């Protein structure tokens, strides 16, 4: 199979096209013919040399934490999926390599059935960002109807979905975005108010939005603007951020500050699917590249300011029965 892989850590240029064996399928795994793979900042972190849990991976290393595709083979213990099923999946640091490849073997518990409202391309962009967004809104912040919520970093891959999930839960949402195009995107996705977090005093904007203080903040970017924003959270308010946001917000007296990681699983994918349908989710994709252009996708990442998500198109269509 063709795969975009690393032979060493480094800049975007180390990501090259390889011919590798199709991975074996274990009893509890499925083999997926990949249609679309998501591209995220975490992929660039790994390419640069970071590896979760320490240690070093084996090279060549295929990147990619999520994607969509068609089941080719199901392991002997798998009952939920069969060949030709359309699926999407999330597996961080997948032991049998990632989704920048024509085929990927994934534990069946990390695989779901995408809602019919999603195209294969959108489904490939959603698993990592969708699970992170929904679990931030529901599990870390417990957002309730009528609350004033700030999505800090609302124009990114996670933030653009979290904004929509917060609105689905009935919250009033202030989006802090990056650039004028990010502000336009946030408003298009349903934000009640949106500001450019790099150019506007976010504390003042938050207090104008909620004069008694905001109830909750999902922090998807760190630094001084976030520190300033937390001054606008009411006493007893909540702040949550995915692990990896740097610098991480410090704990504050009177506020609940919680970090979390996205969790994949059968129930988690079922809940994500219901939320996608209920929110009538829009998946903003800013750029699409072929597998051969994976280096260009990472060069685009390196430029920064990516509204929505970048994807790799691995193959043109779903597999069909013959």
Protein backbone atom coordinates (compact mmCIF):
# COMPACT_ATOMS: atom_id res chain seq x y z
CA UNK A 1 0.00 0.00 0.00
CA UNK A 2 0.97 3.66 -0.39
CA UNK A 3 1.51 5.65 2.77
CA UNK A 4 2.90 9.05 3.77
CA UNK A 5 5.45 8.21 6.44
CA UNK A 6 8.53 9.41 8.32
CA UNK A 7 11.96 7.83 8.35
CA UNK A 8 13.11 10.37 10.93
CA UNK A 9 11.73 13.32 12.86
CA UNK A 10 11.95 16.79 11.40
CA UNK A 11 10.14 19.44 9.37
CA UNK A 12 7.43 18.87 6.76
CA UNK A 13 10.03 17.71 4.23
CA UNK A 14 10.62 14.42 6.14
CA UNK A 15 7.10 13.27 5.25
CA UNK A 16 7.50 11.19 2.08
CA UNK A 17 5.56 8.62 0.09
CA UNK A 18 6.38 5.00 0.96
CA UNK A 19 5.27 1.57 -0.19
CA UNK A 20 4.56 -0.48 2.94
CA UNK A 21 2.89 -3.79 3.78
CA UNK A 22 -0.84 -3.70 4.46
CA UNK A 23 -1.15 -4.14 8.24
CA UNK A 24 -2.27 -7.47 9.66
CA UNK A 25 -5.67 -7.56 11.34
CA UNK A 26 -5.94 -8.83 14.91
CA UNK A 27 -8.99 -10.65 16.30
CA UNK A 28 -10.50 -7.42 17.73
CA UNK A 29 -9.52 -5.11 14.87
CA UNK A 30 -10.90 -3.99 11.53
CA UNK A 31 -8.94 -3.21 8.39
CA UNK A 32 -10.16 0.00 6.77
CA UNK A 33 -9.57 1.14 3.19
CA UNK A 34 -9.01 4.82 3.94
CA UNK A 35 -11.03 7.43 2.05
CA UNK A 36 -10.09 10.61 3.95
CA UNK A 37 -7.59 11.23 6.75
CA UNK A 38 -7.67 14.19 9.11
CA UNK A 39 -4.59 16.39 9.47
CA UNK A 40 -4.04 18.17 12.79
CA UNK A 41 -1.48 20.04 14.83
CA UNK A 42 -0.86 16.90 16.90
CA UNK A 43 0.44 15.23 13.71
CA UNK A 44 2.97 18.03 13.31
CA UNK A 45 4.01 17.64 16.96
CA UNK A 46 4.74 13.95 16.38
CA UNK A 47 6.54 14.69 13.11
CA UNK A 48 8.73 17.18 15.00
CA UNK A 49 9.75 14.56 17.57
CA UNK A 50 7.13 14.40 20.31
CA UNK A 51 5.79 10.97 21.13
CA UNK A 52 3.05 10.26 23.72
CA UNK A 53 4.22 8.42 26.79
CA UNK A 54 7.88 8.98 26.05
CA UNK A 55 10.20 6.59 24.23
CA UNK A 56 10.56 6.50 20.46
CA UNK A 57 8.41 4.91 17.77
CA UNK A 58 9.64 2.56 15.09
CA UNK A 59 10.35 3.99 11.64
CA UNK A 60 8.96 4.25 9.05
CA UNK A 61 6.15 5.89 11.00
CA UNK A 62 2.77 6.57 9.37
CA UNK A 63 1.05 9.65 10.82
CA UNK A 64 -2.67 10.31 11.26
CA UNK A 65 -5.02 9.92 14.23
CA UNK A 66 -8.36 9.71 12.42
CA UNK A 67 -10.15 9.15 9.16
CA UNK A 68 -13.02 7.59 7.27
CA UNK A 69 -13.26 4.67 4.91
CA UNK A 70 -14.70 1.26 4.15
CA UNK A 71 -14.17 -1.94 6.12
CA UNK A 72 -12.17 -4.50 4.13
CA UNK A 73 -11.82 -7.17 6.80
CA UNK A 74 -13.08 -7.68 10.34
CA UNK A 75 -11.22 -9.72 12.97
CA UNK A 76 -12.63 -13.00 14.25
CA UNK A 77 -14.01 -11.42 17.45
CA UNK A 78 -15.60 -8.41 15.74
CA UNK A 79 -19.41 -8.51 15.44
CA UNK A 80 -20.27 -4.83 14.93
CA UNK A 81 -18.71 -4.44 11.47
CA UNK A 82 -18.49 -6.38 8.24
CA UNK A 83 -16.79 -5.81 4.87
CA UNK A 84 -18.13 -2.81 2.89
CA UNK A 85 -19.41 -1.00 6.00
CA UNK A 86 -18.72 2.74 5.92
CA UNK A 87 -16.90 3.83 9.08
CA UNK A 88 -14.92 6.57 10.74
CA UNK A 89 -12.31 6.04 13.43
CA UNK A 90 -10.02 7.69 15.97
CA UNK A 91 -6.90 6.05 17.36
CA UNK A 92 -4.17 8.22 18.85
CA UNK A 93 -0.69 6.69 18.50
CA UNK A 94 -2.29 3.67 16.84
CA UNK A 95 0.00 0.66 17.45
CA UNK A 96 -0.34 -0.38 13.78
CA UNK A 97 0.37 3.07 12.38
CA UNK A 98 -1.86 5.92 11.32
CA UNK A 99 -4.37 7.02 8.72
CA UNK A 100 -2.04 8.64 6.15
CA UNK A 101 -2.20 5.36 4.24
CA UNK A 102 -4.40 3.40 1.86
CA UNK A 103 -5.19 0.92 4.64
CA UNK A 104 -5.22 1.14 8.44
CA UNK A 105 -5.91 -1.50 11.09
CA UNK A 106 -7.79 -0.14 14.11
CA UNK A 107 -9.25 -1.67 17.28
CA UNK A 108 -12.98 -2.10 16.59
CA UNK A 109 -13.89 -0.22 19.78
CA UNK A 110 -12.29 2.90 18.26
CA UNK A 111 -14.46 2.72 15.15
CA UNK A 112 -17.95 4.14 14.59
CA UNK A 113 -20.60 4.46 11.90
CA UNK A 114 -20.78 8.04 10.65
CA UNK A 115 -24.23 9.62 10.48
CA UNK A 116 -25.74 9.75 7.00
CA UNK A 117 -25.68 13.57 7.16
CA UNK A 118 -21.88 13.48 6.77
CA UNK A 119 -20.06 12.96 3.50
CA UNK A 120 -17.09 10.59 3.55
CA UNK A 121 -14.80 13.62 3.42
CA UNK A 122 -16.47 15.31 6.38
CA UNK A 123 -16.54 12.03 8.31
CA UNK A 124 -12.79 11.71 7.87
CA UNK A 125 -12.25 15.17 9.34
CA UNK A 126 -14.47 14.70 12.40
CA UNK A 127 -13.40 11.91 14.80
CA UNK A 128 -10.54 13.55 16.71
CA UNK A 129 -11.97 17.05 16.69
CA UNK A 130 -15.58 15.93 17.18
CA UNK A 131 -14.87 13.73 20.19
CA UNK A 132 -12.65 16.42 21.73
CA UNK A 133 -15.26 19.12 21.16
CA UNK A 134 -18.28 17.16 22.40
CA UNK A 135 -16.56 15.77 25.48
CA UNK A 136 -15.31 19.25 26.34
CA UNK A 137 -18.81 20.72 26.16
CA UNK A 138 -20.67 17.82 27.78
CA UNK A 139 -18.28 15.97 30.08
CA UNK A 140 -15.72 18.56 31.15
CA UNK A 141 -17.94 21.68 31.27
CA UNK A 142 -21.47 20.21 31.57
CA UNK A 143 -22.86 23.11 29.56
CA UNK A 144 -26.50 23.90 30.30
CA UNK A 145 -29.23 25.78 28.47
CA UNK A 146 -29.03 29.54 28.88
CA UNK A 147 -25.43 29.64 30.12
CA UNK A 148 -22.92 32.13 28.73
CA UNK A 149 -20.05 30.12 27.26
CA UNK A 150 -16.84 31.25 25.59
CA UNK A 151 -15.16 29.03 23.00
CA UNK A 152 -11.61 30.38 23.00
CA UNK A 153 -10.07 29.36 19.68
CA UNK A 154 -13.43 28.88 17.98
CA UNK A 155 -12.19 28.98 14.39
CA UNK A 156 -9.93 25.92 14.69
CA UNK A 157 -10.78 22.29 14.04
CA UNK A 158 -12.02 21.57 17.57
CA UNK A 159 -13.43 25.02 18.29
CA UNK A 160 -15.57 25.21 15.16
CA UNK A 161 -17.36 22.02 16.24
CA UNK A 162 -17.47 22.86 19.96
CA UNK A 163 -19.24 26.11 19.12
CA UNK A 164 -21.99 24.17 17.36
CA UNK A 165 -22.32 21.60 20.14
CA UNK A 166 -22.61 24.37 22.74
CA UNK A 167 -25.38 25.99 20.70
CA UNK A 168 -27.07 22.59 20.41
CA UNK A 169 -27.12 22.44 24.24
CA UNK A 170 -28.85 25.83 24.34
CA UNK A 171 -25.92 27.98 25.46
CA UNK A 172 -25.23 31.57 24.49
CA UNK A 173 -21.83 31.46 22.82
CA UNK A 174 -19.10 34.06 22.52
CA UNK A 175 -16.47 32.89 20.05
CA UNK A 176 -12.91 34.21 20.20
CA UNK A 177 -11.41 33.45 16.82
CA UNK A 178 -8.24 34.18 14.86
CA UNK A 179 -8.38 36.77 12.10
CA UNK A 180 -11.30 38.34 10.32
CA UNK A 181 -11.97 35.13 8.38
CA UNK A 182 -12.10 33.21 11.67
CA UNK A 183 -14.64 35.69 13.04
CA UNK A 184 -16.77 35.33 9.90
CA UNK A 185 -16.59 31.53 10.19
CA UNK A 186 -17.64 31.57 13.86
CA UNK A 187 -20.62 33.78 13.10
CA UNK A 188 -21.61 31.54 10.18
CA UNK A 189 -21.53 28.53 12.50
CA UNK A 190 -23.98 30.18 14.92
CA UNK A 191 -21.98 32.13 17.50
CA UNK A 192 -24.07 34.78 19.26
CA UNK A 193 -21.02 37.06 19.21
CA UNK A 194 -17.51 36.68 17.80
CA UNK A 195 -14.29 38.67 18.20
CA UNK A 196 -10.74 38.43 16.94
CA UNK A 197 -8.89 37.25 20.03
CA UNK A 198 -5.59 38.65 18.75
CA UNK A 199 -6.86 42.19 18.27
CA UNK A 200 -9.60 42.66 20.87
CA UNK A 201 -9.47 42.77 24.69
CA UNK A 202 -11.15 39.40 25.28
CA UNK A 203 -11.93 40.19 28.92
CA UNK A 204 -13.81 43.32 27.93
CA UNK A 205 -15.62 41.45 25.16
CA UNK A 206 -16.63 38.68 27.57
CA UNK A 207 -17.94 41.10 30.19
CA UNK A 208 -19.88 42.98 27.54
CA UNK A 209 -21.37 39.63 26.47
CA UNK A 210 -22.09 38.53 30.07
CA UNK A 211 -21.85 41.49 32.48
CA UNK A 212 -22.02 39.27 35.58
CA UNK A 213 -19.31 37.01 34.24
CA UNK A 214 -19.35 34.05 31.86
CA UNK A 215 -20.32 30.62 33.15
CA UNK A 216 -17.81 28.49 31.27
CA UNK A 217 -14.80 28.63 28.95
CA UNK A 218 -13.55 25.91 26.62
CA UNK A 219 -9.91 26.94 26.13
CA UNK A 220 -8.39 25.68 22.90
CA UNK A 221 -5.49 28.16 22.90
CA UNK A 222 -3.24 29.27 25.75
CA UNK A 223 -1.21 32.36 26.48
CA UNK A 224 -1.90 35.90 27.68
CA UNK A 225 -5.31 36.32 25.99
CA UNK A 226 -6.59 33.24 27.86
CA UNK A 227 -5.19 34.54 31.16
CA UNK A 228 -6.99 37.82 30.53
CA UNK A 229 -10.20 36.01 29.54
CA UNK A 230 -10.32 34.05 32.80
CA UNK A 231 -10.73 37.34 34.68
CA UNK A 232 -14.20 37.48 33.13
CA UNK A 233 -15.37 34.09 34.46
CA UNK A 234 -17.83 34.39 37.35
CA UNK A 235 -17.00 32.88 40.72
CA UNK A 236 -17.98 29.22 40.60
CA UNK A 237 -17.52 29.15 36.83
CA UNK A 238 -15.82 26.37 34.90
CA UNK A 239 -12.82 26.23 32.59
CA UNK A 240 -11.78 23.17 30.57
CA UNK A 241 -9.00 22.55 28.08
CA UNK A 242 -7.70 19.53 26.17
CA UNK A 243 -4.28 18.31 27.23
CA UNK A 244 -1.76 19.81 24.84
CA UNK A 245 -2.95 23.42 25.10
CA UNK A 246 0.17 25.40 26.00
CA UNK A 247 0.73 27.25 28.19
CA UNK A 248 -1.99 25.54 30.19
CA UNK A 249 -4.20 27.83 32.28
CA UNK A 250 -3.30 27.94 35.96
CA UNK A 251 -5.76 26.97 38.64
CA UNK A 252 -7.63 29.88 40.21
CA UNK A 253 -9.48 30.22 43.48
CA UNK A 254 -13.21 30.16 42.87
CA UNK A 255 -12.95 28.50 39.45
CA UNK A 256 -13.03 24.86 38.39
CA UNK A 257 -10.15 24.33 35.95
CA UNK A 258 -10.07 20.91 34.32
CA UNK A 259 -7.91 19.29 31.65
CA UNK A 260 -9.06 16.29 29.64
CA UNK A 261 -8.26 13.95 26.75
CA UNK A 262 -10.73 12.83 24.10
CA UNK A 263 -11.82 9.24 24.64
CA UNK A 264 -12.90 6.89 21.85
CA UNK A 265 -15.22 3.96 22.40
CA UNK A 266 -18.44 2.36 21.22
CA UNK A 267 -20.70 4.56 23.36
CA UNK A 268 -18.60 7.64 22.64
CA UNK A 269 -19.03 7.22 18.88
CA UNK A 270 -22.75 6.56 19.28
CA UNK A 271 -23.11 9.76 21.31
CA UNK A 272 -21.04 11.70 18.80
CA UNK A 273 -23.27 10.50 15.99
CA UNK A 274 -26.41 11.62 17.80
CA UNK A 275 -24.88 15.02 18.52
CA UNK A 276 -23.79 15.49 14.90
CA UNK A 277 -27.35 14.85 13.75
CA UNK A 278 -28.94 17.02 16.44
CA UNK A 279 -26.58 19.93 15.75
CA UNK A 280 -26.88 19.55 11.97
CA UNK A 281 -23.14 19.82 12.16
CA UNK A 282 -21.19 21.77 9.57
CA UNK A 283 -17.58 20.60 9.16
CA UNK A 284 -15.44 23.49 7.86
CA UNK A 285 -12.56 22.18 5.76
CA UNK A 286 -10.05 24.82 4.73
CA UNK A 287 -7.86 22.67 2.47
CA UNK A 288 -7.76 19.20 0.91
CA UNK A 289 -4.64 17.48 -0.41
CA UNK A 290 -3.92 14.12 -1.99
CA UNK A 291 -1.85 11.50 -0.19
CA UNK A 292 1.09 12.43 -2.43
CA UNK A 293 0.76 16.03 -1.23
CA UNK A 294 1.02 15.23 2.49
CA UNK A 295 4.15 17.38 2.75
CA UNK A 296 2.15 20.34 1.38
CA UNK A 297 -0.55 19.71 3.98
CA UNK A 298 2.09 19.97 6.72
CA UNK A 299 3.61 23.06 5.14
CA UNK A 300 0.14 24.60 5.33
CA UNK A 301 -0.07 23.60 9.00
CA UNK A 302 3.31 25.19 9.66
CA UNK A 303 2.09 28.54 8.34
CA UNK A 304 -0.48 28.63 11.14
CA UNK A 305 -3.93 30.22 11.10
CA UNK A 306 -5.95 27.25 9.83
CA UNK A 307 -9.69 27.92 10.06
CA UNK A 308 -11.47 24.59 10.36
CA UNK A 309 -9.62 21.44 9.30
CA UNK A 310 -7.13 20.16 6.71
CA UNK A 311 -7.68 16.70 5.20
CA UNK A 312 -5.89 14.21 2.96
CA UNK A 313 -7.96 12.51 0.26
CA UNK A 314 -6.60 8.97 0.10
CA UNK A 315 -8.96 7.45 -2.46
CA UNK A 316 -11.78 8.79 -4.63
CA UNK A 317 -14.75 6.74 -3.44
CA UNK A 318 -16.01 3.97 -1.19
CA UNK A 319 -15.31 0.34 -2.06
CA UNK A 320 -18.22 -1.41 -3.69
CA UNK A 321 -19.44 -4.99 -3.75
CA UNK A 322 -18.74 -6.86 -6.98
